[in-house]
Amino acid sequence: MIILGIDPGSRITGYGVIARKQGKLVYLGSGCIRLKSDVLAERLAQIFAGVSEVIREFSPSQFAIEQVFMAKNPDSALKLGQARGAAIVAATQSAMPVAEYSARQIKQAVVGKGSAEKTQVQHMVKHLLKLPGTPQADAADALAVALCHAHTQQSLINMAGQVSKTVRGRLR
């Protein structure tokens, strides 16, 4: 299973790609889509094209993205929502399921504390994926989204296994 995590932004969109191989999470790649235009419509097109290119390169089967949080500036929140939309459309065009996580859920899954600082997230991403260096902040956030999704999926699998054992026990 290959997971693409996205940290959306209207100026920089981070991406992180991990895989589950033999029960371990492995780093495949990460980076940033840096948006050069001042025109919002052009930036959205760049996000769509950039995420589509990452999908072609890594062929992920899962897509996870950070949810919009309500910023102090409503205009910024709207632009962030549009950036998320462009990335989500790229995923749905590739027939991938889309999972969304709040910043608090992501930090909780990766650091163990929903109010963790960006530097703590970067440190834990580096540690969990055994990276030789600290990833750039937006790429680290995207890798954290992918890690959160991987942990959530594994928890659901584990819970399903426990429910199955309980049901089998009751049927006997």
C-alpha atoms as a PDB file:
ATOM      1  CA  MET A   1       0.000   0.000   0.000  1.00  0.00           C
ATOM      2  CA  ILE A   2       1.391   3.392  -1.055  1.00  0.00           C
ATOM      3  CA  ILE A   3      -0.002   6.503   0.648  1.00  0.00           C
ATOM      4  CA  LEU A   4       0.205  10.072  -0.650  1.00  0.00           C
ATOM      5  CA  GLY A   5      -0.156  12.733   2.039  1.00  0.00           C
ATOM      6  CA  ILE A   6      -0.852  16.361   1.133  1.00  0.00           C
ATOM      7  CA  ASP A   7      -0.334  19.512   3.199  1.00  0.00           C
ATOM      8  CA  PRO A   8      -2.301  22.006   1.093  1.00  0.00           C
ATOM      9  CA  GLY A   9      -1.350  25.630   0.766  1.00  0.00           C
ATOM     10  CA  SER A  10      -2.175  28.462  -1.598  1.00  0.00           C
ATOM     11  CA  ARG A  11       1.548  29.309  -1.980  1.00  0.00           C
ATOM     12  CA  ILE A  12       3.302  26.025  -1.130  1.00  0.00           C
ATOM     13  CA  THR A  13       1.676  22.587  -1.164  1.00  0.00           C
ATOM     14  CA  GLY A  14       3.692  19.839   0.494  1.00  0.00           C
ATOM     15  CA  TYR A  15       3.519  16.192  -0.497  1.00  0.00           C
ATOM     16  CA  GLY A  16       4.831  13.053   1.153  1.00  0.00           C
ATOM     17  CA  VAL A  17       4.756   9.476  -0.070  1.00  0.00           C
ATOM     18  CA  ILE A  18       5.193   6.423   2.134  1.00  0.00           C
ATOM     19  CA  ALA A  19       4.574   2.715   1.721  1.00  0.00           C
ATOM     20  CA  ARG A  20       3.764  -0.126   4.068  1.00  0.00           C
ATOM     21  CA  LYS A  21       6.202  -2.924   3.257  1.00  0.00           C
ATOM     22  CA  GLN A  22       6.337  -6.071   5.361  1.00  0.00           C
ATOM     23  CA  GLY A  23       4.589  -4.312   8.216  1.00  0.00           C
ATOM     24  CA  LYS A  24       6.921  -1.303   8.247  1.00  0.00           C
ATOM     25  CA  LEU A  25       6.393   2.233   6.990  1.00  0.00           C
ATOM     26  CA  VAL A  26       8.970   3.227   4.397  1.00  0.00           C
ATOM     27  CA  TYR A  27       9.752   6.667   2.961  1.00  0.00           C
ATOM     28  CA  LEU A  28       9.400   6.898  -0.825  1.00  0.00           C
ATOM     29  CA  GLY A  29       9.579  10.626  -1.488  1.00  0.00           C
ATOM     30  CA  SER A  30       8.500  14.114  -0.514  1.00  0.00           C
ATOM     31  CA  GLY A  31       8.731  17.686  -1.636  1.00  0.00           C
ATOM     32  CA  CYS A  32       6.891  20.916  -2.268  1.00  0.00           C
ATOM     33  CA  ILE A  33       4.859  22.257  -5.118  1.00  0.00           C
ATOM     34  CA  ARG A  34       5.856  25.928  -5.120  1.00  0.00           C
ATOM     35  CA  LEU A  35       3.223  28.092  -6.745  1.00  0.00           C
ATOM     36  CA  LYS A  36       4.669  30.884  -8.809  1.00  0.00           C
ATOM     37  CA  SER A  37       1.648  32.821 -10.042  1.00  0.00           C
ATOM     38  CA  ASP A  38      -0.122  35.668  -8.273  1.00  0.00           C
ATOM     39  CA  VAL A  39      -3.379  34.661  -9.965  1.00  0.00           C
ATOM     40  CA  LEU A  40      -5.339  32.212  -7.785  1.00  0.00           C
ATOM     41  CA  ALA A  41      -6.818  30.276 -10.720  1.00  0.00           C
ATOM     42  CA  GLU A  42      -3.308  29.655 -12.094  1.00  0.00           C
ATOM     43  CA  ARG A  43      -2.055  28.514  -8.669  1.00  0.00           C
ATOM     44  CA  LEU A  44      -4.956  26.056  -8.419  1.00  0.00           C
ATOM     45  CA  ALA A  45      -4.080  24.685 -11.850  1.00  0.00           C
ATOM     46  CA  GLN A  46      -0.449  24.304 -10.695  1.00  0.00           C
ATOM     47  CA  ILE A  47      -1.587  22.379  -7.588  1.00  0.00           C
ATOM     48  CA  PHE A  48      -3.738  20.072  -9.719  1.00  0.00           C
ATOM     49  CA  ALA A  49      -0.912  19.488 -12.207  1.00  0.00           C
ATOM     50  CA  GLY A  50       1.694  19.021  -9.469  1.00  0.00           C
ATOM     51  CA  VAL A  51      -0.357  16.533  -7.459  1.00  0.00           C
ATOM     52  CA  SER A  52      -1.284  14.707 -10.679  1.00  0.00           C
ATOM     53  CA  GLU A  53       2.431  14.399 -11.512  1.00  0.00           C
ATOM     54  CA  VAL A  54       3.226  12.995  -8.043  1.00  0.00           C
ATOM     55  CA  ILE A  55       0.398  10.474  -8.515  1.00  0.00           C
ATOM     56  CA  ARG A  56       1.818   9.407 -11.904  1.00  0.00           C
ATOM     57  CA  GLU A  57       5.329   9.087 -10.445  1.00  0.00           C
ATOM     58  CA  PHE A  58       4.493   7.065  -7.304  1.00  0.00           C
ATOM     59  CA  SER A  59       1.152   5.349  -8.159  1.00  0.00           C
ATOM     60  CA  PRO A  60      -0.322   5.609  -4.659  1.00  0.00           C
ATOM     61  CA  SER A  61      -3.442   3.654  -3.748  1.00  0.00           C
ATOM     62  CA  GLN A  62      -4.389   5.908  -0.810  1.00  0.00           C
ATOM     63  CA  PHE A  63      -4.695   9.705  -0.560  1.00  0.00           C
ATOM     64  CA  ALA A  64      -4.825  11.705   2.672  1.00  0.00           C
ATOM     65  CA  ILE A  65      -5.072  15.456   3.107  1.00  0.00           C
ATOM     66  CA  GLU A  66      -5.191  17.912   5.978  1.00  0.00           C
ATOM     67  CA  GLN A  67      -8.592  19.483   6.632  1.00  0.00           C
ATOM     68  CA  VAL A  68      -9.122  23.226   6.531  1.00  0.00           C
ATOM     69  CA  PHE A  69      -8.840  24.926   9.878  1.00  0.00           C
ATOM     70  CA  MET A  70     -10.518  28.271  10.469  1.00  0.00           C
ATOM     71  CA  ALA A  71      -7.744  30.816  10.245  1.00  0.00           C
ATOM     72  CA  LYS A  72      -7.992  34.339  11.615  1.00  0.00           C
ATOM     73  CA  ASN A  73      -8.295  35.597   8.045  1.00  0.00           C
ATOM     74  CA  PRO A  74     -11.422  34.223   6.265  1.00  0.00           C
ATOM     75  CA  ASP A  75      -9.876  35.000   2.855  1.00  0.00           C
ATOM     76  CA  SER A  76      -6.899  32.752   3.691  1.00  0.00           C
ATOM     77  CA  ALA A  77      -9.226  29.954   4.785  1.00  0.00           C
ATOM     78  CA  LEU A  78     -11.147  30.204   1.506  1.00  0.00           C
ATOM     79  CA  LYS A  79      -7.938  30.049  -0.555  1.00  0.00           C
ATOM     80  CA  LEU A  80      -6.755  27.064   1.483  1.00  0.00           C
ATOM     81  CA  GLY A  81     -10.072  25.336   0.822  1.00  0.00           C
ATOM     82  CA  GLN A  82      -9.682  25.926  -2.893  1.00  0.00           C
ATOM     83  CA  ALA A  83      -6.113  24.564  -2.798  1.00  0.00           C
ATOM     84  CA  ARG A  84      -7.420  21.448  -1.041  1.00  0.00           C
ATOM     85  CA  GLY A  85     -10.109  21.110  -3.698  1.00  0.00           C
ATOM     86  CA  ALA A  86      -7.564  21.181  -6.525  1.00  0.00           C
ATOM     87  CA  ALA A  87      -5.513  18.439  -4.830  1.00  0.00           C
ATOM     88  CA  ILE A  88      -8.593  16.339  -4.062  1.00  0.00           C
ATOM     89  CA  VAL A  89      -9.764  16.521  -7.675  1.00  0.00           C
ATOM     90  CA  ALA A  90      -6.352  15.219  -8.795  1.00  0.00           C
ATOM     91  CA  ALA A  91      -6.811  12.245  -6.444  1.00  0.00           C
ATOM     92  CA  THR A  92     -10.376  11.523  -7.488  1.00  0.00           C
ATOM     93  CA  GLN A  93      -9.366  11.685 -11.175  1.00  0.00           C
ATOM     94  CA  SER A  94      -7.078   8.746 -10.332  1.00  0.00           C
ATOM     95  CA  ALA A  95      -9.953   6.921  -8.592  1.00  0.00           C
ATOM     96  CA  MET A  96      -8.271   7.096  -5.187  1.00  0.00           C
ATOM     97  CA  PRO A  97     -10.263   7.221  -1.967  1.00  0.00           C
ATOM     98  CA  VAL A  98      -9.747  10.506  -0.094  1.00  0.00           C
ATOM     99  CA  ALA A  99      -9.186  10.604   3.672  1.00  0.00           C
ATOM    100  CA  GLU A 100      -9.191  13.880   5.581  1.00  0.00           C
ATOM    101  CA  TYR A 101      -7.612  14.565   8.978  1.00  0.00           C
ATOM    102  CA  SER A 102      -7.541  17.614  11.220  1.00  0.00           C
ATOM    103  CA  ALA A 103      -4.201  19.155  12.185  1.00  0.00           C
ATOM    104  CA  ARG A 104      -4.854  18.002  15.753  1.00  0.00           C
ATOM    105  CA  GLN A 105      -5.437  14.373  14.642  1.00  0.00           C
ATOM    106  CA  ILE A 106      -2.243  14.419  12.576  1.00  0.00           C
ATOM    107  CA  LYS A 107      -0.115  15.814  15.407  1.00  0.00           C
ATOM    108  CA  GLN A 108      -1.662  13.338  17.864  1.00  0.00           C
ATOM    109  CA  ALA A 109      -0.887  10.395  15.561  1.00  0.00           C
ATOM    110  CA  VAL A 110       2.713  11.433  14.862  1.00  0.00           C
ATOM    111  CA  VAL A 111       3.865  13.210  18.036  1.00  0.00           C
ATOM    112  CA  GLY A 112       1.358  11.931  20.594  1.00  0.00           C
ATOM    113  CA  LYS A 113       0.187  15.449  21.404  1.00  0.00           C
ATOM    114  CA  GLY A 114      -2.455  17.326  19.399  1.00  0.00           C
ATOM    115  CA  SER A 115      -0.912  20.686  20.235  1.00  0.00           C
ATOM    116  CA  ALA A 116       2.612  19.786  19.054  1.00  0.00           C
ATOM    117  CA  GLU A 117       4.830  22.411  17.421  1.00  0.00           C
ATOM    118  CA  LYS A 118       5.951  22.173  13.766  1.00  0.00           C
ATOM    119  CA  THR A 119       9.520  21.381  14.852  1.00  0.00           C
ATOM    120  CA  GLN A 120       8.258  18.441  16.933  1.00  0.00           C
ATOM    121  CA  VAL A 121       6.362  17.101  13.916  1.00  0.00           C
ATOM    122  CA  GLN A 122       9.487  17.444  11.737  1.00  0.00           C
ATOM    123  CA  HIS A 123      11.597  15.624  14.347  1.00  0.00           C
ATOM    124  CA  MET A 124       9.133  12.737  14.711  1.00  0.00           C
ATOM    125  CA  VAL A 125       8.685  12.352  10.946  1.00  0.00           C
ATOM    126  CA  LYS A 126      12.473  12.141  10.596  1.00  0.00           C
ATOM    127  CA  HIS A 127      12.640   9.586  13.433  1.00  0.00           C
ATOM    128  CA  LEU A 128       9.654   7.429  12.384  1.00  0.00           C
ATOM    129  CA  LEU A 129      10.765   7.195   8.750  1.00  0.00           C
ATOM    130  CA  LYS A 130      14.487   6.948   9.613  1.00  0.00           C
ATOM    131  CA  LEU A 131      15.367   9.884   7.357  1.00  0.00           C
ATOM    132  CA  PRO A 132      18.984  11.072   7.188  1.00  0.00           C
ATOM    133  CA  GLY A 133      17.960  14.735   7.537  1.00  0.00           C
ATOM    134  CA  THR A 134      15.047  16.876   8.641  1.00  0.00           C
ATOM    135  CA  PRO A 135      12.536  17.406   5.836  1.00  0.00           C
ATOM    136  CA  GLN A 136      11.392  20.911   4.905  1.00  0.00           C
ATOM    137  CA  ALA A 137       8.365  21.949   7.023  1.00  0.00           C
ATOM    138  CA  ASP A 138       5.662  21.582   4.335  1.00  0.00           C
ATOM    139  CA  ALA A 139       7.042  18.219   3.174  1.00  0.00           C
ATOM    140  CA  ALA A 140       7.283  17.034   6.815  1.00  0.00           C
ATOM    141  CA  ASP A 141       3.657  18.050   7.389  1.00  0.00           C
ATOM    142  CA  ALA A 142       2.599  16.096   4.290  1.00  0.00           C
ATOM    143  CA  LEU A 143       4.558  13.040   5.468  1.00  0.00           C
ATOM    144  CA  ALA A 144       2.822  13.433   8.844  1.00  0.00           C
ATOM    145  CA  VAL A 145      -0.555  13.344   7.055  1.00  0.00           C
ATOM    146  CA  ALA A 146       0.483  10.105   5.321  1.00  0.00           C
ATOM    147  CA  LEU A 147       1.728   8.629   8.628  1.00  0.00           C
ATOM    148  CA  CYS A 148      -1.541   9.584  10.344  1.00  0.00           C
ATOM    149  CA  HIS A 149      -3.479   7.799   7.596  1.00  0.00           C
ATOM    150  CA  ALA A 150      -1.265   4.706   7.843  1.00  0.00           C
ATOM    151  CA  HIS A 151      -1.736   4.564  11.627  1.00  0.00           C
ATOM    152  CA  THR A 152      -5.499   5.092  11.307  1.00  0.00           C
ATOM    153  CA  GLN A 153      -5.787   2.335   8.679  1.00  0.00           C
ATOM    154  CA  GLN A 154      -3.746  -0.058  10.835  1.00  0.00           C
ATOM    155  CA  SER A 155      -5.895   0.726  13.897  1.00  0.00           C
ATOM    156  CA  LEU A 156      -9.055  -0.011  11.901  1.00  0.00           C
ATOM    157  CA  ILE A 157      -7.579  -3.314  10.692  1.00  0.00           C
ATOM    158  CA  ASN A 158      -6.610  -4.243  14.250  1.00  0.00           C
ATOM    159  CA  MET A 159     -10.068  -3.342  15.586  1.00  0.00           C
ATOM    160  CA  ALA A 160     -11.744  -5.362  12.827  1.00  0.00           C
ATOM    161  CA  GLY A 161      -9.605  -8.349  13.797  1.00  0.00           C
ATOM    162  CA  GLN A 162     -10.612  -8.002  17.439  1.00  0.00           C
ATOM    163  CA  VAL A 163     -14.305  -7.744  16.549  1.00  0.00           C
ATOM    164  CA  SER A 164     -13.975 -10.802  14.312  1.00  0.00           C
ATOM    165  CA  LYS A 165     -12.395 -12.821  17.172  1.00  0.00           C
ATOM    166  CA  THR A 166     -15.172 -11.725  19.532  1.00  0.00           C
ATOM    167  CA  VAL A 167     -17.893 -12.691  17.067  1.00  0.00           C
ATOM    168  CA  ARG A 168     -16.264 -16.079  16.403  1.00  0.00           C
ATOM    169  CA  GLY A 169     -16.077 -16.657  20.164  1.00  0.00           C
ATOM    170  CA  ARG A 170     -19.793 -15.934  20.572  1.00  0.00           C
ATOM    171  CA  LEU A 171     -20.718 -18.249  17.710  1.00  0.00           C
ATOM    172  CA  ARG A 172     -19.070 -21.243  19.347  1.00  0.00           C
END
